[in-house]
């Protein structure tokens, strides 16, 4: 993984110790079969593939009901925190439910941490399913959010838009403008680092001063800012009052709506 800034190190250490990050649990659902034995079907299934270093890795693939053969579908990658599991992200985010409504694929990677690993994972999903090459997206929670920022910097030529939730970026420079939507709890232990993270992103992506509005997610007030950035990209930040280190389920639908509106530029 890339080097962290001093602020990022301190914030990630806080993220690992917070009670809001899901606890790691043994996943007794099934041992993932060998890659060549997987028959892709609707629902959830473990897929084993090879990481960039030649070791075996796995991801949980959700295929919505009624997916049409020959019709490329969007793909959303969802990265868990540390500790945490791919299976927990299904429950915490509700992304699979939105996928069933909207007709897109979801992959929940288990310990795919480098850009080379994600390139290999994306190749594997594309070999098994019909993925729309301009509609691949990435979201992550806590340490997974930091990983999402990393991929926003290094895989913007392949992944169209990004959604870090309750996380801060690694110390990397973006290579091209890309669209990003961040969700941040104002009661999060990481909250002091969010303004710097947002300024960092806006600076590297040439964003103008944002517009702002106030809304509600459930019983919480949400301050939302929207900024236009270079090459037609956008930077959206949802700051949620009273929210600690957590993924609010109310965030998942707005994240998908943002993704749907931002395909990869040709």
Protein backbone atom coordinates (compact mmCIF):
# COMPACT_ATOMS: atom_id res chain seq x y z
CA UNK A 1 0.00 0.00 0.00
CA UNK A 2 1.03 3.58 -0.49
CA UNK A 3 2.60 5.68 2.25
CA UNK A 4 0.19 7.51 4.51
CA UNK A 5 0.59 11.10 5.57
CA UNK A 6 1.10 11.58 9.32
CA UNK A 7 -2.49 12.80 9.66
CA UNK A 8 -3.73 9.80 7.70
CA UNK A 9 -1.83 7.39 9.94
CA UNK A 10 -3.31 8.88 13.11
CA UNK A 11 -6.81 8.92 11.68
CA UNK A 12 -6.63 5.36 10.41
CA UNK A 13 -5.39 4.16 13.77
CA UNK A 14 -8.46 5.77 15.27
CA UNK A 15 -10.61 4.08 12.64
CA UNK A 16 -9.28 0.67 13.53
CA UNK A 17 -10.07 1.15 17.22
CA UNK A 18 -13.56 2.63 16.89
CA UNK A 19 -16.60 0.61 17.86
CA UNK A 20 -18.41 1.74 14.70
CA UNK A 21 -16.23 -0.28 12.31
CA UNK A 22 -17.74 -3.76 11.85
CA UNK A 23 -16.05 -6.53 13.81
CA UNK A 24 -14.47 -9.33 11.85
CA UNK A 25 -16.54 -12.50 12.00
CA UNK A 26 -15.82 -15.94 10.59
CA UNK A 27 -17.87 -16.42 7.44
CA UNK A 28 -19.27 -19.92 7.59
CA UNK A 29 -21.50 -19.57 4.52
CA UNK A 30 -19.41 -21.78 2.26
CA UNK A 31 -15.86 -22.41 1.16
CA UNK A 32 -15.47 -20.60 -2.17
CA UNK A 33 -15.10 -23.07 -5.04
CA UNK A 34 -12.24 -23.04 -7.49
CA UNK A 35 -12.64 -20.34 -10.13
CA UNK A 36 -13.21 -22.74 -13.01
CA UNK A 37 -16.12 -24.40 -11.13
CA UNK A 38 -18.15 -21.23 -10.61
CA UNK A 39 -21.40 -21.04 -12.54
CA UNK A 40 -22.58 -17.45 -12.34
CA UNK A 41 -26.19 -17.23 -11.19
CA UNK A 42 -28.51 -14.69 -9.61
CA UNK A 43 -27.88 -13.99 -5.93
CA UNK A 44 -24.67 -14.08 -3.84
CA UNK A 45 -21.72 -16.38 -4.46
CA UNK A 46 -18.08 -16.51 -3.48
CA UNK A 47 -15.63 -16.39 -6.37
CA UNK A 48 -11.98 -17.37 -6.04
CA UNK A 49 -9.47 -15.68 -8.31
CA UNK A 50 -5.76 -14.93 -8.47
CA UNK A 51 -4.28 -11.73 -7.08
CA UNK A 52 -1.50 -9.85 -8.85
CA UNK A 53 1.16 -11.60 -6.73
CA UNK A 54 -0.13 -15.04 -7.72
CA UNK A 55 -1.90 -15.83 -4.43
CA UNK A 56 -5.56 -16.79 -4.24
CA UNK A 57 -8.10 -14.14 -3.29
CA UNK A 58 -11.86 -14.13 -3.20
CA UNK A 59 -14.76 -11.75 -3.58
CA UNK A 60 -18.47 -12.01 -2.94
CA UNK A 61 -20.35 -11.40 -6.19
CA UNK A 62 -23.99 -10.31 -6.21
CA UNK A 63 -25.88 -10.80 -9.46
CA UNK A 64 -29.37 -9.25 -9.60
CA UNK A 65 -32.38 -11.22 -10.71
CA UNK A 66 -33.38 -10.74 -14.33
CA UNK A 67 -29.96 -9.66 -15.59
CA UNK A 68 -30.11 -10.02 -19.37
CA UNK A 69 -27.40 -11.87 -21.27
CA UNK A 70 -25.75 -9.64 -23.84
CA UNK A 71 -26.75 -6.45 -22.05
CA UNK A 72 -23.71 -5.00 -20.24
CA UNK A 73 -24.44 -4.18 -16.59
CA UNK A 74 -22.79 -1.61 -14.30
CA UNK A 75 -20.49 -2.95 -11.57
CA UNK A 76 -19.97 -1.51 -8.08
CA UNK A 77 -17.01 -2.58 -5.93
CA UNK A 78 -17.64 -2.24 -2.16
CA UNK A 79 -14.62 -2.37 0.18
CA UNK A 80 -14.94 -3.26 3.87
CA UNK A 81 -13.16 -1.65 6.81
CA UNK A 82 -10.54 -3.12 9.13
CA UNK A 83 -11.62 -5.17 10.96
CA UNK A 84 -14.53 -6.17 8.78
CA UNK A 85 -15.69 -8.66 6.18
CA UNK A 86 -17.16 -8.64 2.71
CA UNK A 87 -20.32 -10.33 4.00
CA UNK A 88 -20.87 -7.60 6.58
CA UNK A 89 -20.84 -4.95 3.88
CA UNK A 90 -23.83 -6.64 2.25
CA UNK A 91 -25.79 -6.16 5.46
CA UNK A 92 -24.44 -2.75 6.42
CA UNK A 93 -24.78 -0.98 3.07
CA UNK A 94 -27.87 -2.55 1.49
CA UNK A 95 -26.10 -2.29 -1.88
CA UNK A 96 -27.34 -5.69 -3.05
CA UNK A 97 -30.94 -4.59 -2.50
CA UNK A 98 -30.39 -1.47 -4.59
CA UNK A 99 -28.65 -3.62 -7.22
CA UNK A 100 -31.74 -5.84 -7.47
CA UNK A 101 -33.92 -2.76 -8.01
CA UNK A 102 -31.61 -1.12 -10.54
CA UNK A 103 -29.99 -4.07 -12.33
CA UNK A 104 -26.28 -3.77 -11.57
CA UNK A 105 -23.60 -6.13 -10.30
CA UNK A 106 -21.87 -5.76 -6.91
CA UNK A 107 -18.50 -7.25 -5.95
CA UNK A 108 -17.43 -7.20 -2.29
CA UNK A 109 -13.66 -7.85 -2.33
CA UNK A 110 -11.95 -9.65 0.54
CA UNK A 111 -8.38 -8.29 0.98
CA UNK A 112 -7.73 -6.83 -2.46
CA UNK A 113 -5.60 -3.86 -1.42
CA UNK A 114 -3.46 -2.78 -4.38
CA UNK A 115 -4.26 -1.31 -7.76
CA UNK A 116 -2.76 -4.40 -9.39
CA UNK A 117 -5.11 -6.62 -7.35
CA UNK A 118 -8.12 -4.59 -8.42
CA UNK A 119 -7.08 -4.70 -12.06
CA UNK A 120 -6.94 -8.49 -11.75
CA UNK A 121 -10.31 -8.61 -9.95
CA UNK A 122 -11.98 -6.43 -12.60
CA UNK A 123 -10.57 -8.67 -15.35
CA UNK A 124 -11.98 -11.69 -13.52
CA UNK A 125 -15.48 -10.22 -13.10
CA UNK A 126 -15.51 -9.12 -16.75
CA UNK A 127 -14.51 -12.64 -17.85
CA UNK A 128 -17.46 -14.15 -15.95
CA UNK A 129 -20.18 -11.56 -16.55
CA UNK A 130 -21.08 -8.85 -19.05
CA UNK A 131 -19.73 -5.70 -17.36
CA UNK A 132 -20.28 -2.27 -18.88
CA UNK A 133 -16.70 -0.95 -19.26
CA UNK A 134 -17.71 2.69 -18.75
CA UNK A 135 -19.87 2.01 -15.68
CA UNK A 136 -17.53 0.54 -13.07
CA UNK A 137 -17.60 2.24 -9.65
CA UNK A 138 -15.98 1.89 -6.23
CA UNK A 139 -17.18 2.59 -2.68
CA UNK A 140 -15.65 1.80 0.69
CA UNK A 141 -16.02 2.22 4.44
CA UNK A 142 -13.31 3.35 6.89
CA UNK A 143 -10.05 1.74 5.76
CA UNK A 144 -11.99 0.70 2.67
CA UNK A 145 -12.75 4.40 2.11
CA UNK A 146 -9.02 5.17 2.20
CA UNK A 147 -8.51 2.37 -0.30
CA UNK A 148 -11.23 3.93 -2.45
CA UNK A 149 -9.35 7.23 -2.44
CA UNK A 150 -6.21 5.35 -3.53
CA UNK A 151 -8.02 3.79 -6.47
CA UNK A 152 -9.53 7.18 -7.35
CA UNK A 153 -5.97 8.42 -7.72
CA UNK A 154 -4.60 5.43 -9.60
CA UNK A 155 -7.47 3.68 -11.44
CA UNK A 156 -9.48 6.64 -12.75
CA UNK A 157 -8.87 5.39 -16.29
CA UNK A 158 -10.93 2.28 -15.50
CA UNK A 159 -13.26 3.18 -12.61
CA UNK A 160 -15.73 5.97 -13.35
CA UNK A 161 -16.63 7.39 -9.90
CA UNK A 162 -15.87 6.81 -6.24
CA UNK A 163 -17.62 6.94 -2.86
CA UNK A 164 -15.53 6.96 0.34
CA UNK A 165 -17.67 6.70 3.50
CA UNK A 166 -16.16 7.58 6.90
CA UNK A 167 -12.58 7.60 5.70
CA UNK A 168 -9.61 9.81 4.78
CA UNK A 169 -7.24 9.56 1.80
CA UNK A 170 -3.84 8.02 1.44
CA UNK A 171 -1.03 10.46 0.63
CA UNK A 172 -1.16 10.12 -3.16
CA UNK A 173 -1.64 12.52 -6.06
CA UNK A 174 -4.57 12.13 -8.44
CA UNK A 175 -3.65 11.43 -12.05
CA UNK A 176 -6.80 12.75 -13.73
CA UNK A 177 -10.04 14.45 -12.67
CA UNK A 178 -12.72 12.02 -11.55
CA UNK A 179 -16.08 12.26 -9.80
CA UNK A 180 -16.28 11.53 -6.08
CA UNK A 181 -19.05 11.54 -3.47
CA UNK A 182 -18.00 11.46 0.20
CA UNK A 183 -20.17 10.67 3.24
CA UNK A 184 -18.88 11.91 6.59
CA UNK A 185 -20.27 11.78 10.12
CA UNK A 186 -19.78 14.92 12.16
CA UNK A 187 -19.53 12.79 15.33
CA UNK A 188 -16.96 10.45 13.77
CA UNK A 189 -13.58 10.11 15.51
CA UNK A 190 -12.12 11.02 12.09
CA UNK A 191 -14.20 14.19 11.73
CA UNK A 192 -11.26 16.54 12.30
CA UNK A 193 -9.57 15.11 9.21
CA UNK A 194 -12.51 15.41 6.81
CA UNK A 195 -12.11 19.14 5.95
CA UNK A 196 -8.47 18.59 4.94
CA UNK A 197 -9.46 15.57 2.87
CA UNK A 198 -12.16 17.54 1.07
CA UNK A 199 -9.84 20.48 0.39
CA UNK A 200 -7.17 18.07 -0.87
CA UNK A 201 -9.60 16.49 -3.31
CA UNK A 202 -10.98 19.83 -4.52
CA UNK A 203 -7.49 21.20 -5.09
CA UNK A 204 -6.24 18.19 -7.06
CA UNK A 205 -9.38 18.07 -9.22
CA UNK A 206 -9.76 21.75 -9.99
CA UNK A 207 -13.11 22.14 -8.24
CA UNK A 208 -14.87 25.51 -7.98
CA UNK A 209 -16.53 26.77 -4.82
CA UNK A 210 -19.43 24.42 -4.01
CA UNK A 211 -23.10 25.12 -3.63
CA UNK A 212 -24.68 23.95 -0.39
CA UNK A 213 -28.06 22.75 0.85
CA UNK A 214 -29.48 21.15 3.96
CA UNK A 215 -31.64 18.02 4.06
CA UNK A 216 -32.44 15.07 6.30
CA UNK A 217 -31.59 11.37 6.31
CA UNK A 218 -33.99 9.77 8.72
CA UNK A 219 -33.74 11.84 11.90
CA UNK A 220 -30.36 13.39 11.05
CA UNK A 221 -29.56 16.71 9.40
CA UNK A 222 -27.33 16.46 6.32
CA UNK A 223 -25.32 19.34 4.93
CA UNK A 224 -24.61 18.61 1.27
CA UNK A 225 -22.15 20.44 -0.96
CA UNK A 226 -21.80 20.04 -4.73
CA UNK A 227 -18.85 21.37 -6.71
CA UNK A 228 -18.11 21.29 -10.43
CA UNK A 229 -14.56 20.14 -11.19
CA UNK A 230 -12.26 19.72 -14.18
CA UNK A 231 -13.40 17.78 -17.25
CA UNK A 232 -17.06 17.78 -16.20
CA UNK A 233 -16.50 15.83 -12.98
CA UNK A 234 -18.20 16.55 -9.65
CA UNK A 235 -17.26 16.55 -5.98
CA UNK A 236 -20.16 15.95 -3.59
CA UNK A 237 -19.86 15.85 0.21
CA UNK A 238 -22.64 14.79 2.59
CA UNK A 239 -21.86 15.79 6.20
CA UNK A 240 -24.24 14.02 8.58
CA UNK A 241 -24.96 15.48 12.03
CA UNK A 242 -24.68 13.11 15.00
CA UNK A 243 -23.29 10.27 12.86
CA UNK A 244 -20.29 8.40 14.28
CA UNK A 245 -17.98 6.00 12.48
CA UNK A 246 -20.60 4.19 10.43
CA UNK A 247 -22.12 3.69 7.00
CA UNK A 248 -25.64 5.18 7.10
CA UNK A 249 -27.96 3.04 4.98
CA UNK A 250 -29.64 6.22 3.77
CA UNK A 251 -26.38 6.98 1.92
CA UNK A 252 -26.49 3.98 -0.40
CA UNK A 253 -29.23 5.15 -2.74
CA UNK A 254 -27.70 8.66 -3.20
CA UNK A 255 -24.33 7.02 -3.86
CA UNK A 256 -25.85 4.83 -6.57
CA UNK A 257 -27.70 7.80 -8.09
CA UNK A 258 -24.37 9.66 -8.22
CA UNK A 259 -22.65 6.69 -9.83
CA UNK A 260 -25.40 6.29 -12.41
CA UNK A 261 -25.01 9.93 -13.44
CA UNK A 262 -21.23 9.66 -13.91
CA UNK A 263 -20.07 7.10 -16.48
CA UNK A 264 -16.44 7.00 -17.48
CA UNK A 265 -15.58 9.65 -20.07
CA UNK A 266 -14.83 8.23 -23.51
